[in-house]
Structure formats: C-alpha cells, structure tokens
Amino acid sequence: MNESKGALTEAVFYILISLYTPLHGYGIIQNVEKRSNGRVRLGAGTLYGAINTLLTRGWIAECGETGERGKKEYIITPSGRRAVEDEMNRLQELLDNGRYVLNTLNEMPPSAESE
C-alpha cells in the first residue's frame, strides 16, 4: 500500500511537496495556493480527507503539535518522497513523449491535402 500506483491528483502532489517542511493544515492550504499560483485552492474538508488518506498510505506522518493552539503538523515520509519522485518521472515521460510527437510532426513535410 505504500507504493505509488498511478497518477497523483494535482492537489495530492502539491500537498506532498508542501510537506518537505513540517506544516499544519492552514499552512498547507496557503503553500499549495502559493505554489500553484492560485490555481489550486484546497478547502478544509478536501485537505483533511487527503491528509487521512496520505497518513493511511504512509506517505506523510504527524510530527507533533505547534504552539499555535496545538495544531498538528505533518511531514512527508520516505515512501511519500518516492511517490513524488514516481509522479515526477511519470510527468517527465508524458512531456518527453509529447515533445517527440510534436517535433516529429514539425519535421514532416506538409501533406498534399493541406495545400
């Protein structure tokens, strides 16, 4: 269950990369919004649902509470880091294949039909 299977959602990816440094829930929400240039905005329900899933998968762990009213902080685990690396490799493969196809099409002479 700790192994990455398939694509990560954009929200999960941003949550995981946010947790390379310990953060509490509101800090995660702020970091995700900042890193995504405002495109990804997490509601509390979405965030805590994802946190529970990531805790169950072993991709993040609780790392204590801050002085701010006892807010729990979370951090990425080694298996979570592997999930991020797997996702980055998957995305790189998509980019490489897309670039290959586009470059191949750009090098092809125009067909007679397009004239």
Protein backbone atom coordinates (compact mmCIF):
# COMPACT_ATOMS: atom_id res chain seq x y z
CA MET A 1 0.00 0.00 0.00
CA ASN A 2 2.99 2.33 0.40
CA GLU A 3 3.94 2.12 -3.25
CA SER A 4 2.77 4.76 -5.69
CA LYS A 5 0.20 3.36 -8.09
CA GLY A 6 -0.94 5.53 -10.94
CA ALA A 7 -1.13 9.27 -11.23
CA LEU A 8 -1.38 11.57 -8.25
CA THR A 9 -4.02 14.26 -8.29
CA GLU A 10 -2.67 17.77 -8.56
CA ALA A 11 -3.89 18.55 -5.04
CA VAL A 12 -2.15 15.49 -3.55
CA PHE A 13 1.07 16.30 -5.40
CA TYR A 14 1.05 19.86 -4.04
CA ILE A 15 0.23 18.65 -0.52
CA LEU A 16 3.14 16.21 -0.61
CA ILE A 17 5.67 18.75 -1.88
CA SER A 18 4.43 21.21 0.74
CA LEU A 19 5.36 18.73 3.46
CA TYR A 20 9.08 18.54 2.78
CA THR A 21 8.97 21.05 5.65
CA PRO A 22 6.62 20.39 8.59
CA LEU A 23 3.34 22.29 8.27
CA HIS A 24 -0.08 22.35 9.88
CA GLY A 25 -3.29 22.29 7.85
CA TYR A 26 -3.70 26.00 7.25
CA GLY A 27 -0.01 26.27 6.31
CA ILE A 28 -0.53 23.52 3.74
CA ILE A 29 -3.54 25.33 2.26
CA GLN A 30 -1.51 28.55 1.96
CA ASN A 31 1.53 26.80 0.49
CA VAL A 32 -0.49 24.89 -2.12
CA GLU A 33 -2.22 28.07 -3.26
CA LYS A 34 1.10 29.93 -3.45
CA ARG A 35 2.99 27.18 -5.31
CA SER A 36 0.15 26.72 -7.82
CA ASN A 37 -0.11 30.47 -8.44
CA GLY A 38 -3.65 30.41 -7.03
CA ARG A 39 -4.94 27.66 -9.36
CA VAL A 40 -5.31 25.05 -6.63
CA ARG A 41 -7.32 26.14 -3.62
CA LEU A 42 -7.98 23.49 -1.02
CA GLY A 43 -11.00 23.55 1.24
CA ALA A 44 -10.57 22.24 4.76
CA GLY A 45 -12.68 19.14 4.04
CA THR A 46 -10.66 18.27 0.94
CA LEU A 47 -7.38 18.85 2.74
CA TYR A 48 -8.20 16.74 5.80
CA GLY A 49 -9.65 13.96 3.64
CA ALA A 50 -6.39 13.91 1.69
CA ILE A 51 -4.34 14.03 4.90
CA ASN A 52 -6.17 10.99 6.26
CA THR A 53 -5.56 9.10 3.00
CA LEU A 54 -1.88 10.08 2.96
CA LEU A 55 -1.47 9.05 6.60
CA THR A 56 -3.08 5.67 5.82
CA ARG A 57 -0.75 5.17 2.83
CA GLY A 58 2.23 6.06 4.99
CA TRP A 59 3.21 8.93 2.70
CA ILE A 60 3.04 11.51 5.50
CA ALA A 61 3.31 11.35 9.27
CA GLU A 62 2.31 13.53 12.19
CA CYS A 63 5.36 15.25 13.60
CA GLY A 64 3.95 16.91 16.69
CA GLU A 65 1.97 19.97 17.51
CA THR A 66 2.88 23.63 17.22
CA GLY A 67 2.37 26.20 19.92
CA GLU A 68 -0.48 27.65 17.86
CA ARG A 69 -3.41 26.19 19.78
CA GLY A 70 -1.99 22.68 19.49
CA LYS A 71 -2.26 22.43 15.70
CA LYS A 72 -0.94 19.14 14.33
CA GLU A 73 1.97 19.34 11.93
CA TYR A 74 2.68 16.82 9.21
CA ILE A 75 5.81 15.84 7.28
CA ILE A 76 6.44 13.72 4.21
CA THR A 77 7.89 10.23 4.78
CA PRO A 78 10.45 8.37 2.64
CA SER A 79 7.62 6.50 0.87
CA GLY A 80 5.89 9.82 0.23
CA ARG A 81 9.10 11.15 -1.30
CA ARG A 82 9.20 8.09 -3.56
CA ALA A 83 5.59 8.80 -4.60
CA VAL A 84 6.61 12.37 -5.54
CA GLU A 85 9.62 11.09 -7.48
CA ASP A 86 7.48 8.49 -9.27
CA GLU A 87 4.97 11.19 -10.22
CA MET A 88 7.70 13.50 -11.49
CA ASN A 89 9.11 10.65 -13.61
CA ARG A 90 5.62 9.90 -14.96
CA LEU A 91 5.08 13.56 -15.85
CA GLN A 92 8.52 13.78 -17.47
CA GLU A 93 7.68 10.75 -19.63
CA LEU A 94 4.47 12.49 -20.74
CA LEU A 95 6.40 15.65 -21.62
CA ASP A 96 9.12 13.73 -23.44
CA ASN A 97 6.60 11.77 -25.50
CA GLY A 98 4.56 14.86 -26.30
CA ARG A 99 7.66 16.78 -27.38
CA TYR A 100 8.80 13.86 -29.51
CA VAL A 101 5.48 13.71 -31.35
CA LEU A 102 5.33 17.49 -31.84
CA ASN A 103 8.92 17.65 -33.06
CA THR A 104 8.31 14.74 -35.44
CA LEU A 105 5.23 16.45 -36.86
CA ASN A 106 7.11 19.73 -37.25
CA GLU A 107 9.85 17.97 -39.24
CA MET A 108 7.40 16.28 -41.63
CA PRO A 109 6.77 17.94 -44.97
CA PRO A 110 3.25 19.33 -45.37
CA SER A 111 0.90 16.84 -46.99
CA ALA A 112 -0.66 17.49 -50.35
CA GLU A 113 -4.07 17.57 -48.66
CA SER A 114 -3.18 20.63 -46.58
CA GLU A 115 -2.28 22.72 -49.64
